Amino acid sequence: MSAEVEKRLYAIERELKALSWWQSEPPSAAALASTEPFCLDTLTFSQWLQFVLLVRLQAMLEAGVPLPNNISIYPMATESFKPLAVDTRALEEAIAGLDETLSGQAVVREA
């Protein structure tokens, strides 16, 4: 499963870069220390993906600890991307794939 998760994480990274949302500089430590879900009060959703989700899951893979299996990021992604005037379908699909790999459950895509 870890190889499949790594593939899914790379797909998210690739799509963030394709959208030019990948950042070379991390947000401040204070912004990353938010206690809100998805760091809603301090980060954009794409920043949360890059600097929280990808980093934490990669660290868990490297440490060999169990990965979360009750995960549902796709609904937040679609909601966050709705007001944007860019095509985020490939990124949303990459996120749905990660949800499915970790949860073992099919993700119902938005029409």
N, C-alpha and C. Protein backbone atom coordinates (compact mmCIF):
# COMPACT_ATOMS: atom_id res chain seq x y z
N MET A 1 0.83 -1.20 0.00
CA MET A 1 0.00 0.00 0.00
C MET A 1 0.86 1.25 0.00
N SER A 2 2.04 1.21 0.64
CA SER A 2 2.85 2.42 0.72
C SER A 2 3.28 2.92 -0.66
N ALA A 3 3.56 2.01 -1.58
CA ALA A 3 3.93 2.45 -2.93
C ALA A 3 2.77 3.17 -3.61
N GLU A 4 1.56 2.66 -3.38
CA GLU A 4 0.37 3.30 -3.97
C GLU A 4 0.15 4.68 -3.34
N VAL A 5 0.34 4.80 -2.04
CA VAL A 5 0.18 6.09 -1.37
C VAL A 5 1.23 7.07 -1.88
N GLU A 6 2.47 6.62 -2.02
CA GLU A 6 3.52 7.50 -2.55
C GLU A 6 3.16 7.98 -3.95
N LYS A 7 2.61 7.09 -4.77
CA LYS A 7 2.17 7.47 -6.12
C LYS A 7 1.09 8.54 -6.05
N ARG A 8 0.16 8.38 -5.12
CA ARG A 8 -0.92 9.37 -4.96
C ARG A 8 -0.39 10.71 -4.47
N LEU A 9 0.55 10.69 -3.53
CA LEU A 9 1.14 11.93 -3.03
C LEU A 9 1.87 12.66 -4.15
N TYR A 10 2.61 11.90 -4.96
CA TYR A 10 3.32 12.50 -6.08
C TYR A 10 2.34 13.12 -7.09
N ALA A 11 1.20 12.46 -7.31
CA ALA A 11 0.20 13.00 -8.24
C ALA A 11 -0.33 14.34 -7.75
N ILE A 12 -0.54 14.45 -6.44
CA ILE A 12 -1.01 15.73 -5.89
C ILE A 12 0.08 16.79 -6.06
N GLU A 13 1.32 16.44 -5.76
CA GLU A 13 2.43 17.39 -5.94
C GLU A 13 2.53 17.83 -7.39
N ARG A 14 2.45 16.89 -8.31
CA ARG A 14 2.55 17.19 -9.74
C ARG A 14 1.45 18.17 -10.17
N GLU A 15 0.23 17.95 -9.68
CA GLU A 15 -0.89 18.83 -10.07
C GLU A 15 -0.77 20.21 -9.43
N LEU A 16 -0.28 20.28 -8.20
CA LEU A 16 -0.05 21.59 -7.59
C LEU A 16 0.98 22.38 -8.40
N LYS A 17 2.01 21.69 -8.88
CA LYS A 17 3.03 22.35 -9.70
C LYS A 17 2.44 22.75 -11.05
N ALA A 18 1.62 21.90 -11.65
CA ALA A 18 1.01 22.21 -12.94
C ALA A 18 0.14 23.46 -12.86
N LEU A 19 -0.48 23.66 -11.70
CA LEU A 19 -1.33 24.84 -11.50
C LEU A 19 -0.53 26.07 -11.03
N SER A 20 0.78 25.88 -10.89
CA SER A 20 1.68 26.94 -10.36
C SER A 20 1.33 27.32 -8.93
N TRP A 21 0.84 26.37 -8.17
CA TRP A 21 0.50 26.60 -6.77
C TRP A 21 1.58 26.09 -5.82
N TRP A 22 2.56 25.39 -6.35
CA TRP A 22 3.64 24.86 -5.51
C TRP A 22 4.51 26.02 -5.06
N GLN A 23 4.83 26.08 -3.78
CA GLN A 23 5.60 27.19 -3.24
C GLN A 23 6.97 26.70 -2.77
N SER A 24 7.98 27.50 -3.02
CA SER A 24 9.32 27.12 -2.59
C SER A 24 9.57 27.49 -1.13
N GLU A 25 8.87 28.48 -0.64
CA GLU A 25 9.03 28.91 0.75
C GLU A 25 7.82 28.48 1.58
N PRO A 26 8.05 27.83 2.70
CA PRO A 26 6.93 27.41 3.54
C PRO A 26 6.31 28.61 4.27
N PRO A 27 5.05 28.45 4.66
CA PRO A 27 4.42 29.49 5.49
C PRO A 27 5.13 29.57 6.85
N SER A 28 4.81 30.58 7.61
CA SER A 28 5.43 30.74 8.92
C SER A 28 5.06 29.58 9.84
N ALA A 29 5.87 29.39 10.87
CA ALA A 29 5.59 28.35 11.86
C ALA A 29 4.24 28.61 12.52
N ALA A 30 3.92 29.85 12.74
CA ALA A 30 2.63 30.19 13.37
C ALA A 30 1.47 29.78 12.46
N ALA A 31 1.60 30.02 11.16
CA ALA A 31 0.54 29.63 10.23
C ALA A 31 0.37 28.12 10.21
N LEU A 32 1.48 27.40 10.27
CA LEU A 32 1.42 25.94 10.25
C LEU A 32 0.91 25.35 11.57
N ALA A 33 0.95 26.13 12.63
CA ALA A 33 0.53 25.65 13.95
C ALA A 33 -0.98 25.82 14.19
N SER A 34 -1.72 26.24 13.20
CA SER A 34 -3.16 26.43 13.34
C SER A 34 -3.81 25.16 13.86
N THR A 35 -4.83 25.33 14.69
CA THR A 35 -5.58 24.18 15.20
C THR A 35 -6.90 23.98 14.46
N GLU A 36 -7.17 24.85 13.50
CA GLU A 36 -8.39 24.72 12.70
C GLU A 36 -8.25 23.59 11.69
N PRO A 37 -9.34 22.91 11.35
CA PRO A 37 -9.26 21.90 10.30
C PRO A 37 -8.72 22.52 9.01
N PHE A 38 -7.81 21.82 8.35
CA PHE A 38 -7.19 22.27 7.10
C PHE A 38 -6.47 23.62 7.25
N CYS A 39 -6.19 24.04 8.48
CA CYS A 39 -5.56 25.34 8.75
C CYS A 39 -6.31 26.46 8.03
N LEU A 40 -7.63 26.36 8.01
CA LEU A 40 -8.48 27.31 7.28
C LEU A 40 -8.21 28.77 7.62
N ASP A 41 -7.80 29.01 8.85
CA ASP A 41 -7.62 30.39 9.28
C ASP A 41 -6.27 30.98 8.90
N THR A 42 -5.32 30.13 8.45
CA THR A 42 -3.97 30.64 8.20
C THR A 42 -3.39 30.26 6.84
N LEU A 43 -3.93 29.24 6.18
CA LEU A 43 -3.38 28.77 4.91
C LEU A 43 -4.46 28.66 3.85
N THR A 44 -4.04 28.74 2.59
CA THR A 44 -4.96 28.38 1.52
C THR A 44 -5.03 26.85 1.50
N PHE A 45 -6.02 26.31 0.85
CA PHE A 45 -6.14 24.85 0.80
C PHE A 45 -4.93 24.24 0.09
N SER A 46 -4.45 24.87 -0.97
CA SER A 46 -3.29 24.33 -1.67
C SER A 46 -2.04 24.36 -0.79
N GLN A 47 -1.90 25.39 0.05
CA GLN A 47 -0.78 25.42 1.00
C GLN A 47 -0.91 24.29 2.01
N TRP A 48 -2.13 24.05 2.48
CA TRP A 48 -2.35 22.96 3.44
C TRP A 48 -1.97 21.63 2.80
N LEU A 49 -2.36 21.43 1.55
CA LEU A 49 -1.99 20.19 0.86
C LEU A 49 -0.47 20.01 0.84
N GLN A 50 0.23 21.06 0.41
CA GLN A 50 1.68 20.97 0.25
C GLN A 50 2.42 20.88 1.58
N PHE A 51 2.09 21.74 2.51
CA PHE A 51 2.92 21.88 3.70
C PHE A 51 2.43 21.10 4.92
N VAL A 52 1.22 20.58 4.85
CA VAL A 52 0.71 19.79 5.97
C VAL A 52 0.45 18.35 5.53
N LEU A 53 -0.49 18.16 4.62
CA LEU A 53 -0.88 16.81 4.24
C LEU A 53 0.29 16.02 3.64
N LEU A 54 0.91 16.55 2.59
CA LEU A 54 1.98 15.80 1.94
C LEU A 54 3.15 15.55 2.88
N VAL A 55 3.52 16.55 3.66
CA VAL A 55 4.64 16.40 4.60
C VAL A 55 4.33 15.35 5.66
N ARG A 56 3.15 15.40 6.24
CA ARG A 56 2.80 14.45 7.31
C ARG A 56 2.69 13.03 6.79
N LEU A 57 2.03 12.85 5.66
CA LEU A 57 1.88 11.49 5.13
C LEU A 57 3.23 10.92 4.70
N GLN A 58 4.09 11.74 4.11
CA GLN A 58 5.42 11.27 3.73
C GLN A 58 6.22 10.87 4.97
N ALA A 59 6.13 11.66 6.03
CA ALA A 59 6.83 11.34 7.28
C ALA A 59 6.30 10.04 7.87
N MET A 60 5.01 9.84 7.80
CA MET A 60 4.41 8.60 8.32
C MET A 60 4.90 7.39 7.50
N LEU A 61 4.97 7.55 6.19
CA LEU A 61 5.48 6.47 5.34
C LEU A 61 6.92 6.14 5.70
N GLU A 62 7.75 7.16 5.84
CA GLU A 62 9.16 6.96 6.17
C GLU A 62 9.34 6.33 7.54
N ALA A 63 8.47 6.67 8.48
CA ALA A 63 8.57 6.12 9.84
C ALA A 63 7.94 4.74 9.95
N GLY A 64 7.19 4.35 8.93
CA GLY A 64 6.55 3.04 8.95
C GLY A 64 5.39 2.93 9.92
N VAL A 65 4.79 4.07 10.23
CA VAL A 65 3.64 4.06 11.14
C VAL A 65 2.35 3.90 10.34
N PRO A 66 1.29 3.42 10.97
CA PRO A 66 0.03 3.25 10.24
C PRO A 66 -0.49 4.58 9.68
N LEU A 67 -0.98 4.51 8.47
CA LEU A 67 -1.55 5.69 7.82
C LEU A 67 -3.02 5.83 8.19
N PRO A 68 -3.55 7.05 8.13
CA PRO A 68 -4.97 7.23 8.44
C PRO A 68 -5.84 6.46 7.45
N ASN A 69 -6.93 5.89 7.95
CA ASN A 69 -7.83 5.18 7.04
C ASN A 69 -9.24 5.76 7.08
N ASN A 70 -9.43 6.77 7.90
CA ASN A 70 -10.70 7.48 7.95
C ASN A 70 -10.43 8.89 7.45
N ILE A 71 -10.38 9.01 6.13
CA ILE A 71 -9.94 10.26 5.52
C ILE A 71 -10.89 10.65 4.40
N SER A 72 -11.16 11.94 4.31
CA SER A 72 -12.06 12.43 3.27
C SER A 72 -11.68 13.88 2.95
N ILE A 73 -10.70 14.03 2.09
CA ILE A 73 -10.19 15.34 1.72
C ILE A 73 -10.91 15.89 0.49
N TYR A 74 -11.36 15.00 -0.38
CA TYR A 74 -11.98 15.39 -1.65
C TYR A 74 -13.12 16.41 -1.48
N PRO A 75 -14.06 16.21 -0.55
CA PRO A 75 -15.14 17.21 -0.43
C PRO A 75 -14.63 18.62 -0.11
N MET A 76 -13.61 18.71 0.74
CA MET A 76 -13.04 20.02 1.07
C MET A 76 -12.35 20.61 -0.16
N ALA A 77 -11.67 19.76 -0.92
CA ALA A 77 -10.98 20.24 -2.12
C ALA A 77 -11.98 20.83 -3.11
N THR A 78 -13.04 20.11 -3.40
CA THR A 78 -14.00 20.60 -4.38
C THR A 78 -14.65 21.90 -3.91
N GLU A 79 -14.92 21.98 -2.63
CA GLU A 79 -15.53 23.19 -2.07
C GLU A 79 -14.56 24.37 -2.15
N SER A 80 -13.30 24.12 -1.82
CA SER A 80 -12.28 25.18 -1.84
C SER A 80 -12.01 25.69 -3.24
N PHE A 81 -12.09 24.80 -4.23
CA PHE A 81 -11.73 25.18 -5.59
C PHE A 81 -12.90 25.77 -6.38
N LYS A 82 -14.14 25.63 -5.90
CA LYS A 82 -15.31 26.11 -6.64
C LYS A 82 -15.20 27.55 -7.11
N PRO A 83 -14.79 28.49 -6.25
CA PRO A 83 -14.78 29.89 -6.70
C PRO A 83 -13.61 30.25 -7.62
N LEU A 84 -12.69 29.32 -7.85
CA LEU A 84 -11.51 29.63 -8.64
C LEU A 84 -11.78 29.51 -10.14
N ALA A 85 -11.15 30.36 -10.90
CA ALA A 85 -11.35 30.37 -12.36
C ALA A 85 -10.28 29.55 -13.08
N VAL A 86 -9.88 28.44 -12.49
CA VAL A 86 -8.91 27.54 -13.11
C VAL A 86 -9.48 26.12 -13.09
N ASP A 87 -8.97 25.30 -13.98
CA ASP A 87 -9.43 23.91 -14.07
C ASP A 87 -8.66 23.08 -13.04
N THR A 88 -9.34 22.68 -11.99
CA THR A 88 -8.71 21.91 -10.91
C THR A 88 -9.11 20.44 -10.93
N ARG A 89 -9.73 19.99 -12.02
CA ARG A 89 -10.22 18.60 -12.06
C ARG A 89 -9.12 17.57 -11.86
N ALA A 90 -7.95 17.77 -12.45
CA ALA A 90 -6.86 16.79 -12.30
C ALA A 90 -6.39 16.73 -10.85
N LEU A 91 -6.30 17.88 -10.19
CA LEU A 91 -5.91 17.90 -8.78
C LEU A 91 -6.99 17.24 -7.93
N GLU A 92 -8.23 17.56 -8.21
CA GLU A 92 -9.33 16.93 -7.46
C GLU A 92 -9.30 15.41 -7.64
N GLU A 93 -9.02 14.95 -8.84
CA GLU A 93 -8.95 13.50 -9.10
C GLU A 93 -7.78 12.87 -8.33
N ALA A 94 -6.66 13.56 -8.27
CA ALA A 94 -5.51 13.06 -7.51
C ALA A 94 -5.86 12.95 -6.02
N ILE A 95 -6.58 13.93 -5.52
CA ILE A 95 -7.00 13.92 -4.11
C ILE A 95 -8.00 12.80 -3.87
N ALA A 96 -8.95 12.62 -4.78
CA ALA A 96 -9.92 11.53 -4.66
C ALA A 96 -9.20 10.19 -4.64
N GLY A 97 -8.17 10.05 -5.48
CA GLY A 97 -7.40 8.80 -5.50
C GLY A 97 -6.71 8.53 -4.18
N LEU A 98 -6.19 9.57 -3.54
CA LEU A 98 -5.57 9.40 -2.23
C LEU A 98 -6.61 8.98 -1.20
N ASP A 99 -7.75 9.65 -1.20
CA ASP A 99 -8.84 9.27 -0.28
C ASP A 99 -9.19 7.80 -0.46
N GLU A 100 -9.34 7.37 -1.69
CA GLU A 100 -9.74 5.98 -1.97
C GLU A 100 -8.66 5.00 -1.53
N THR A 101 -7.41 5.33 -1.79
CA THR A 101 -6.32 4.44 -1.41
C THR A 101 -6.24 4.28 0.10
N LEU A 102 -6.36 5.37 0.82
CA LEU A 102 -6.24 5.31 2.28
C LEU A 102 -7.49 4.73 2.96
N SER A 103 -8.66 5.09 2.46
CA SER A 103 -9.90 4.67 3.14
C SER A 103 -10.42 3.34 2.66
N GLY A 104 -10.04 2.96 1.44
CA GLY A 104 -10.58 1.73 0.87
C GLY A 104 -12.03 1.89 0.40
N GLN A 105 -12.50 3.13 0.36
CA GLN A 105 -13.87 3.43 -0.02
C GLN A 105 -13.88 4.26 -1.32
N ALA A 106 -14.85 4.01 -2.16
CA ALA A 106 -15.00 4.81 -3.37
C ALA A 106 -15.41 6.23 -3.02
N VAL A 107 -14.86 7.18 -3.74
CA VAL A 107 -15.21 8.58 -3.56
C VAL A 107 -16.23 8.94 -4.64
N VAL A 108 -17.34 9.53 -4.22
CA VAL A 108 -18.36 9.98 -5.17
C VAL A 108 -17.92 11.32 -5.69
N ARG A 109 -17.63 11.37 -6.99
CA ARG A 109 -17.18 12.61 -7.61
C ARG A 109 -18.35 13.53 -7.88
N GLU A 110 -18.05 14.84 -7.83
CA GLU A 110 -19.06 15.83 -8.19
C GLU A 110 -19.24 15.82 -9.69
N ALA A 111 -20.45 16.10 -10.11
CA ALA A 111 -20.74 16.10 -11.56
C ALA A 111 -20.23 17.35 -12.23
